[in-house]
């Protein structure tokens, strides 16, 4: 079995959050979804589990942060092109998300940042690895 990642996110409204994640290109897996949770697949091996607060609380005894005012994690998502980075960010904004800063544009990397409806931060990026290796390689000499 391939290694998989399931990112559990507490959300205020599972239905609204499900619609947001569908708008940015994720697919709901009905087998692992109900009124308390939605399994949103980004790839064959990465899924975001959108859990209402009461269900999320069954996994931890820690206080659930308000991601709109506190940061618990920033999730970087890699894409194959600058256009794909722009597409997911624009879809997120159209679905009610919030852009966190202007695009960052280096010779070897392009990135943007947005929050979902609950304030969870995402950083979609594209990187030219060959150019990054040249730009970031230590000087020889």
N, C-alpha and C. Protein backbone atom coordinates (compact mmCIF):
# COMPACT_ATOMS: atom_id res chain seq x y z
N UNK A 1 0.84 -1.19 0.00
CA UNK A 1 0.00 0.00 0.00
C UNK A 1 0.89 1.24 0.00
N UNK A 2 0.52 2.21 -0.80
CA UNK A 2 1.26 3.47 -0.85
C UNK A 2 1.10 4.21 0.47
N UNK A 3 2.13 4.95 0.86
CA UNK A 3 2.01 5.80 2.04
C UNK A 3 1.06 6.93 1.71
N UNK A 4 0.23 7.26 2.69
CA UNK A 4 -0.78 8.28 2.48
C UNK A 4 -0.70 9.32 3.59
N UNK A 5 -1.21 10.50 3.31
CA UNK A 5 -1.32 11.56 4.30
C UNK A 5 -2.77 11.99 4.39
N UNK A 6 -3.29 12.04 5.63
CA UNK A 6 -4.62 12.55 5.90
C UNK A 6 -4.45 13.74 6.84
N UNK A 7 -4.78 14.93 6.36
CA UNK A 7 -4.65 16.15 7.15
C UNK A 7 -6.03 16.43 7.76
N UNK A 8 -6.13 16.31 9.08
CA UNK A 8 -7.38 16.56 9.78
C UNK A 8 -7.50 18.04 10.12
N UNK A 9 -8.60 18.66 9.66
CA UNK A 9 -8.82 20.08 9.91
C UNK A 9 -10.16 20.27 10.61
N UNK A 10 -10.18 21.00 11.73
CA UNK A 10 -11.45 21.32 12.35
C UNK A 10 -12.13 22.44 11.56
N UNK A 11 -13.42 22.26 11.28
CA UNK A 11 -14.17 23.26 10.52
C UNK A 11 -15.48 23.58 11.23
N UNK A 12 -15.95 24.79 11.05
CA UNK A 12 -17.19 25.24 11.69
C UNK A 12 -18.42 24.66 11.01
N UNK A 13 -18.36 24.49 9.68
CA UNK A 13 -19.51 24.02 8.91
C UNK A 13 -19.03 23.05 7.85
N UNK A 14 -19.28 21.77 8.05
CA UNK A 14 -18.77 20.73 7.14
C UNK A 14 -19.30 20.93 5.72
N UNK A 15 -20.57 21.24 5.56
CA UNK A 15 -21.14 21.40 4.22
C UNK A 15 -20.51 22.57 3.47
N UNK A 16 -20.38 23.72 4.15
CA UNK A 16 -19.77 24.89 3.49
C UNK A 16 -18.30 24.63 3.18
N UNK A 17 -17.59 24.00 4.09
CA UNK A 17 -16.18 23.69 3.85
C UNK A 17 -16.02 22.68 2.72
N UNK A 18 -16.92 21.70 2.65
CA UNK A 18 -16.89 20.73 1.56
C UNK A 18 -17.04 21.44 0.22
N UNK A 19 -17.98 22.37 0.14
CA UNK A 19 -18.19 23.12 -1.11
C UNK A 19 -16.94 23.92 -1.47
N UNK A 20 -16.28 24.52 -0.47
CA UNK A 20 -15.06 25.28 -0.70
C UNK A 20 -13.98 24.37 -1.29
N UNK A 21 -13.75 23.23 -0.68
CA UNK A 21 -12.69 22.33 -1.15
C UNK A 21 -13.02 21.73 -2.51
N UNK A 22 -14.29 21.50 -2.79
CA UNK A 22 -14.67 21.07 -4.14
C UNK A 22 -14.38 22.18 -5.14
N UNK A 23 -14.61 23.43 -4.76
CA UNK A 23 -14.38 24.57 -5.65
C UNK A 23 -12.91 24.73 -6.00
N UNK A 24 -12.01 24.28 -5.11
CA UNK A 24 -10.58 24.40 -5.42
C UNK A 24 -10.02 23.11 -6.03
N UNK A 25 -10.91 22.19 -6.41
CA UNK A 25 -10.48 21.04 -7.21
C UNK A 25 -10.37 19.71 -6.48
N UNK A 26 -10.78 19.66 -5.24
CA UNK A 26 -10.72 18.39 -4.52
C UNK A 26 -12.01 17.61 -4.72
N UNK A 27 -11.92 16.30 -4.52
CA UNK A 27 -13.06 15.42 -4.73
C UNK A 27 -13.46 14.78 -3.40
N UNK A 28 -14.74 14.83 -3.09
CA UNK A 28 -15.26 14.23 -1.86
C UNK A 28 -15.34 12.72 -2.02
N UNK A 29 -14.79 12.00 -1.06
CA UNK A 29 -14.89 10.54 -1.03
C UNK A 29 -16.07 10.20 -0.12
N UNK A 30 -17.21 9.78 -0.69
CA UNK A 30 -18.40 9.55 0.13
C UNK A 30 -18.25 8.39 1.12
N UNK A 31 -17.33 7.48 0.86
CA UNK A 31 -17.15 6.35 1.76
C UNK A 31 -16.69 6.80 3.15
N UNK A 32 -15.95 7.91 3.22
CA UNK A 32 -15.42 8.40 4.48
C UNK A 32 -16.01 9.76 4.86
N UNK A 33 -17.20 10.02 4.38
CA UNK A 33 -17.85 11.31 4.63
C UNK A 33 -19.25 11.11 5.19
N UNK A 34 -19.65 12.04 6.04
CA UNK A 34 -21.01 12.06 6.58
C UNK A 34 -21.30 13.48 7.04
N UNK A 35 -22.32 13.69 7.86
CA UNK A 35 -22.66 15.05 8.27
C UNK A 35 -21.62 15.66 9.21
N UNK A 36 -20.74 14.84 9.81
CA UNK A 36 -19.72 15.32 10.74
C UNK A 36 -18.35 15.46 10.11
N UNK A 37 -18.18 14.88 8.91
CA UNK A 37 -16.85 14.87 8.29
C UNK A 37 -16.95 14.71 6.79
N UNK A 38 -16.01 15.32 6.08
CA UNK A 38 -15.86 15.10 4.64
C UNK A 38 -14.41 14.75 4.36
N UNK A 39 -14.22 13.68 3.62
CA UNK A 39 -12.89 13.28 3.16
C UNK A 39 -12.69 13.88 1.77
N UNK A 40 -11.83 14.88 1.69
CA UNK A 40 -11.61 15.59 0.43
C UNK A 40 -10.26 15.17 -0.14
N UNK A 41 -10.29 14.48 -1.29
CA UNK A 41 -9.07 13.93 -1.89
C UNK A 41 -8.42 14.95 -2.80
N UNK A 42 -7.12 15.18 -2.54
CA UNK A 42 -6.33 16.05 -3.41
C UNK A 42 -5.56 15.21 -4.42
N UNK A 43 -5.16 14.01 -4.02
CA UNK A 43 -4.49 13.07 -4.90
C UNK A 43 -4.80 11.67 -4.41
N UNK A 44 -4.22 10.66 -5.04
CA UNK A 44 -4.44 9.29 -4.62
C UNK A 44 -3.88 9.01 -3.23
N UNK A 45 -2.98 9.86 -2.77
CA UNK A 45 -2.32 9.59 -1.49
C UNK A 45 -2.45 10.72 -0.46
N UNK A 46 -3.17 11.79 -0.81
CA UNK A 46 -3.31 12.92 0.11
C UNK A 46 -4.78 13.33 0.20
N UNK A 47 -5.29 13.37 1.43
CA UNK A 47 -6.67 13.77 1.65
C UNK A 47 -6.75 14.74 2.82
N UNK A 48 -7.70 15.65 2.74
CA UNK A 48 -7.99 16.57 3.83
C UNK A 48 -9.30 16.12 4.47
N UNK A 49 -9.24 15.82 5.75
CA UNK A 49 -10.42 15.39 6.50
C UNK A 49 -11.00 16.63 7.18
N UNK A 50 -12.15 17.06 6.72
CA UNK A 50 -12.84 18.22 7.29
C UNK A 50 -13.77 17.72 8.38
N UNK A 51 -13.44 18.03 9.63
CA UNK A 51 -14.16 17.48 10.77
C UNK A 51 -14.85 18.58 11.56
N UNK A 52 -16.15 18.37 11.86
CA UNK A 52 -16.79 19.37 12.72
C UNK A 52 -16.09 19.34 14.09
N UNK A 53 -16.23 20.42 14.83
CA UNK A 53 -15.47 20.57 16.07
C UNK A 53 -15.71 19.45 17.06
N UNK A 54 -16.95 18.99 17.18
CA UNK A 54 -17.23 17.92 18.16
C UNK A 54 -16.55 16.62 17.74
N UNK A 55 -16.51 16.31 16.46
CA UNK A 55 -15.85 15.10 15.99
C UNK A 55 -14.32 15.24 16.11
N UNK A 56 -13.80 16.39 15.71
CA UNK A 56 -12.36 16.65 15.83
C UNK A 56 -11.90 16.46 17.28
N UNK A 57 -12.74 16.90 18.21
CA UNK A 57 -12.40 16.81 19.64
C UNK A 57 -12.26 15.38 20.15
N UNK A 58 -12.76 14.41 19.40
CA UNK A 58 -12.60 13.02 19.82
C UNK A 58 -11.19 12.51 19.57
N UNK A 59 -10.38 13.26 18.82
CA UNK A 59 -9.01 12.85 18.50
C UNK A 59 -7.97 13.53 19.39
N UNK A 60 -8.36 14.54 20.13
CA UNK A 60 -7.41 15.27 20.97
C UNK A 60 -8.15 15.89 22.15
N UNK A 61 -7.42 16.06 23.24
CA UNK A 61 -8.02 16.78 24.37
C UNK A 61 -7.53 18.23 24.41
N UNK A 62 -6.77 18.63 23.40
CA UNK A 62 -6.30 20.02 23.32
C UNK A 62 -7.41 20.93 22.80
N UNK A 63 -7.31 22.19 23.17
CA UNK A 63 -8.25 23.20 22.70
C UNK A 63 -8.07 23.38 21.19
N UNK A 64 -9.17 23.50 20.48
CA UNK A 64 -9.14 23.78 19.04
C UNK A 64 -8.90 25.27 18.87
N UNK A 65 -7.86 25.62 18.13
CA UNK A 65 -7.55 27.02 17.91
C UNK A 65 -8.54 27.65 16.94
N UNK A 66 -8.61 28.95 16.97
CA UNK A 66 -9.32 29.70 15.95
C UNK A 66 -8.26 30.04 14.91
N UNK A 67 -8.26 29.32 13.80
CA UNK A 67 -7.23 29.50 12.78
C UNK A 67 -7.30 30.86 12.10
N UNK A 68 -8.33 31.63 12.36
CA UNK A 68 -8.40 32.98 11.82
C UNK A 68 -7.55 33.95 12.64
N UNK A 69 -7.25 33.57 13.89
CA UNK A 69 -6.46 34.45 14.75
C UNK A 69 -5.17 33.81 15.25
N UNK A 70 -5.05 32.49 15.14
CA UNK A 70 -3.85 31.77 15.56
C UNK A 70 -3.44 30.82 14.45
N UNK A 71 -2.13 30.60 14.32
CA UNK A 71 -1.65 29.70 13.29
C UNK A 71 -1.22 28.39 13.92
N UNK A 72 -1.74 27.29 13.39
CA UNK A 72 -1.36 25.97 13.86
C UNK A 72 -0.51 25.24 12.84
N UNK A 73 -0.72 25.55 11.56
CA UNK A 73 0.02 24.91 10.48
C UNK A 73 -0.18 25.72 9.21
N UNK A 74 0.80 25.67 8.33
CA UNK A 74 0.68 26.22 6.99
C UNK A 74 0.94 25.06 6.04
N UNK A 75 0.05 24.83 5.10
CA UNK A 75 0.11 23.65 4.25
C UNK A 75 0.56 24.07 2.85
N UNK A 76 1.74 23.61 2.45
CA UNK A 76 2.27 23.92 1.12
C UNK A 76 1.83 22.84 0.14
N UNK A 77 1.36 23.27 -1.04
CA UNK A 77 0.89 22.35 -2.07
C UNK A 77 1.68 22.61 -3.34
N UNK A 78 2.31 21.58 -3.88
CA UNK A 78 3.12 21.78 -5.10
C UNK A 78 2.27 21.58 -6.35
N UNK A 79 2.57 22.39 -7.36
CA UNK A 79 1.88 22.33 -8.64
C UNK A 79 2.89 22.31 -9.78
N UNK A 80 2.42 21.90 -10.97
CA UNK A 80 3.29 21.75 -12.13
C UNK A 80 3.53 23.04 -12.90
N UNK A 81 2.81 24.11 -12.56
CA UNK A 81 2.98 25.35 -13.31
C UNK A 81 2.53 26.55 -12.48
N UNK A 82 2.99 27.72 -12.91
CA UNK A 82 2.52 28.97 -12.31
C UNK A 82 1.01 29.13 -12.53
N UNK A 83 0.55 28.76 -13.71
CA UNK A 83 -0.88 28.89 -14.02
C UNK A 83 -1.72 28.05 -13.06
N UNK A 84 -1.25 26.86 -12.70
CA UNK A 84 -1.99 26.01 -11.76
C UNK A 84 -2.02 26.64 -10.37
N UNK A 85 -0.93 27.29 -9.97
CA UNK A 85 -0.90 28.01 -8.69
C UNK A 85 -1.94 29.13 -8.70
N UNK A 86 -1.96 29.88 -9.79
CA UNK A 86 -2.95 30.96 -9.91
C UNK A 86 -4.37 30.40 -9.92
N UNK A 87 -4.58 29.29 -10.62
CA UNK A 87 -5.93 28.73 -10.75
C UNK A 87 -6.50 28.31 -9.40
N UNK A 88 -5.72 27.60 -8.58
CA UNK A 88 -6.27 27.17 -7.29
C UNK A 88 -6.48 28.37 -6.37
N UNK A 89 -5.59 29.35 -6.45
CA UNK A 89 -5.74 30.54 -5.59
C UNK A 89 -6.97 31.33 -6.00
N UNK A 90 -7.16 31.54 -7.29
CA UNK A 90 -8.33 32.28 -7.76
C UNK A 90 -9.62 31.52 -7.43
N UNK A 91 -9.60 30.20 -7.52
CA UNK A 91 -10.77 29.40 -7.16
C UNK A 91 -11.06 29.54 -5.66
N UNK A 92 -10.02 29.54 -4.85
CA UNK A 92 -10.19 29.70 -3.40
C UNK A 92 -10.81 31.06 -3.09
N UNK A 93 -10.33 32.10 -3.74
CA UNK A 93 -10.87 33.45 -3.49
C UNK A 93 -12.33 33.55 -3.94
N UNK A 94 -12.64 32.96 -5.08
CA UNK A 94 -14.02 32.98 -5.58
C UNK A 94 -14.96 32.20 -4.67
N UNK A 95 -14.43 31.20 -3.95
CA UNK A 95 -15.25 30.37 -3.07
C UNK A 95 -15.32 30.91 -1.65
N UNK A 96 -14.76 32.11 -1.42
CA UNK A 96 -14.87 32.74 -0.10
C UNK A 96 -13.59 32.73 0.72
N UNK A 97 -12.50 32.23 0.14
CA UNK A 97 -11.22 32.25 0.84
C UNK A 97 -10.62 33.64 0.85
N UNK A 98 -9.49 33.77 1.53
CA UNK A 98 -8.83 35.08 1.66
C UNK A 98 -7.37 34.94 1.26
N UNK A 99 -6.90 35.85 0.38
CA UNK A 99 -5.49 35.84 -0.01
C UNK A 99 -4.66 36.44 1.12
N UNK A 100 -3.53 35.81 1.43
CA UNK A 100 -2.72 36.21 2.57
C UNK A 100 -1.64 37.23 2.24
N UNK A 101 -1.12 37.21 1.01
CA UNK A 101 -0.12 38.19 0.60
C UNK A 101 0.01 38.17 -0.91
N UNK A 102 0.72 39.13 -1.44
CA UNK A 102 0.95 39.19 -2.88
C UNK A 102 1.74 37.96 -3.32
N UNK A 103 1.63 37.59 -4.61
CA UNK A 103 2.42 36.47 -5.11
C UNK A 103 3.92 36.70 -4.90
N UNK A 104 4.62 35.62 -4.61
CA UNK A 104 6.08 35.66 -4.50
C UNK A 104 6.64 35.05 -5.76
N UNK A 105 7.49 35.80 -6.46
CA UNK A 105 7.97 35.37 -7.76
C UNK A 105 9.49 35.45 -7.81
N UNK A 106 10.14 34.31 -7.64
CA UNK A 106 11.59 34.21 -7.77
C UNK A 106 11.91 33.61 -9.13
N UNK A 107 13.17 33.61 -9.52
CA UNK A 107 13.55 33.00 -10.79
C UNK A 107 13.21 31.52 -10.84
N UNK A 108 13.26 30.85 -9.71
CA UNK A 108 13.06 29.40 -9.67
C UNK A 108 11.77 28.97 -8.98
N UNK A 109 11.04 29.91 -8.37
CA UNK A 109 9.84 29.53 -7.64
C UNK A 109 8.78 30.63 -7.73
N UNK A 110 7.52 30.17 -7.77
CA UNK A 110 6.37 31.08 -7.76
C UNK A 110 5.39 30.55 -6.72
N UNK A 111 4.91 31.42 -5.85
CA UNK A 111 3.97 30.95 -4.83
C UNK A 111 2.94 32.02 -4.51
N UNK A 112 1.83 31.55 -3.98
CA UNK A 112 0.77 32.41 -3.48
C UNK A 112 0.32 31.84 -2.15
N UNK A 113 -0.61 32.47 -1.49
CA UNK A 113 -1.09 31.97 -0.20
C UNK A 113 -2.53 32.38 0.00
N UNK A 114 -3.32 31.44 0.54
CA UNK A 114 -4.71 31.73 0.85
C UNK A 114 -5.15 30.97 2.09
N UNK A 115 -6.26 31.43 2.67
CA UNK A 115 -6.90 30.75 3.78
C UNK A 115 -8.23 30.19 3.31
N UNK A 116 -8.63 29.05 3.91
CA UNK A 116 -9.97 28.52 3.65
C UNK A 116 -10.98 29.27 4.52
N UNK A 117 -12.21 28.81 4.56
CA UNK A 117 -13.27 29.50 5.29
C UNK A 117 -13.01 29.59 6.79
N UNK A 118 -12.23 28.63 7.33
CA UNK A 118 -11.95 28.59 8.76
C UNK A 118 -10.60 29.20 9.12
N UNK A 119 -9.86 29.69 8.13
CA UNK A 119 -8.58 30.33 8.40
C UNK A 119 -7.37 29.43 8.27
N UNK A 120 -7.55 28.19 7.81
CA UNK A 120 -6.41 27.29 7.60
C UNK A 120 -5.62 27.79 6.39
N UNK A 121 -4.29 27.91 6.55
CA UNK A 121 -3.46 28.51 5.53
C UNK A 121 -2.87 27.52 4.54
N UNK A 122 -2.93 27.89 3.26
CA UNK A 122 -2.37 27.08 2.18
C UNK A 122 -1.41 27.91 1.35
N UNK A 123 -0.32 27.30 0.92
CA UNK A 123 0.66 27.97 0.10
C UNK A 123 0.94 27.18 -1.16
N UNK A 124 0.11 27.34 -2.19
CA UNK A 124 0.39 26.66 -3.45
C UNK A 124 1.65 27.25 -4.09
N UNK A 125 2.49 26.36 -4.65
CA UNK A 125 3.73 26.84 -5.26
C UNK A 125 4.12 25.98 -6.45
N UNK A 126 4.92 26.58 -7.33
CA UNK A 126 5.56 25.89 -8.45
C UNK A 126 7.05 26.16 -8.32
N UNK A 127 7.87 25.12 -8.57
CA UNK A 127 9.31 25.31 -8.48
C UNK A 127 10.01 24.65 -9.66
N UNK A 128 10.93 25.39 -10.25
CA UNK A 128 11.82 24.85 -11.28
C UNK A 128 13.04 24.31 -10.53
N UNK A 129 13.09 23.00 -10.33
CA UNK A 129 14.13 22.41 -9.49
C UNK A 129 15.54 22.63 -10.04
N UNK A 130 15.71 22.57 -11.34
CA UNK A 130 17.04 22.79 -11.92
C UNK A 130 17.52 24.20 -11.62
N UNK A 131 16.63 25.18 -11.78
CA UNK A 131 17.00 26.56 -11.49
C UNK A 131 17.21 26.76 -10.00
N UNK A 132 16.43 26.09 -9.17
CA UNK A 132 16.59 26.19 -7.72
C UNK A 132 17.94 25.63 -7.29
N UNK A 133 18.33 24.50 -7.86
CA UNK A 133 19.62 23.90 -7.52
C UNK A 133 20.77 24.85 -7.85
N UNK A 134 20.68 25.52 -8.98
CA UNK A 134 21.71 26.49 -9.35
C UNK A 134 21.69 27.70 -8.43
N UNK A 135 20.52 28.23 -8.17
CA UNK A 135 20.41 29.45 -7.38
C UNK A 135 20.78 29.23 -5.91
N UNK A 136 20.52 28.04 -5.40
CA UNK A 136 20.70 27.77 -3.98
C UNK A 136 21.95 26.96 -3.66
N UNK A 137 22.69 26.55 -4.69
CA UNK A 137 23.89 25.74 -4.46
C UNK A 137 24.98 26.60 -3.79
N UNK A 138 25.68 26.00 -2.83
CA UNK A 138 26.77 26.76 -2.20
C UNK A 138 27.87 27.07 -3.24
N UNK A 139 28.48 28.22 -3.08
CA UNK A 139 29.56 28.61 -4.00
C UNK A 139 30.75 27.66 -3.83
N UNK A 140 31.31 27.25 -4.93
CA UNK A 140 32.49 26.37 -4.90
C UNK A 140 33.73 27.23 -4.96
N UNK A 141 34.73 26.89 -4.16
CA UNK A 141 35.91 27.67 -4.36
C UNK A 141 36.81 27.72 -3.26
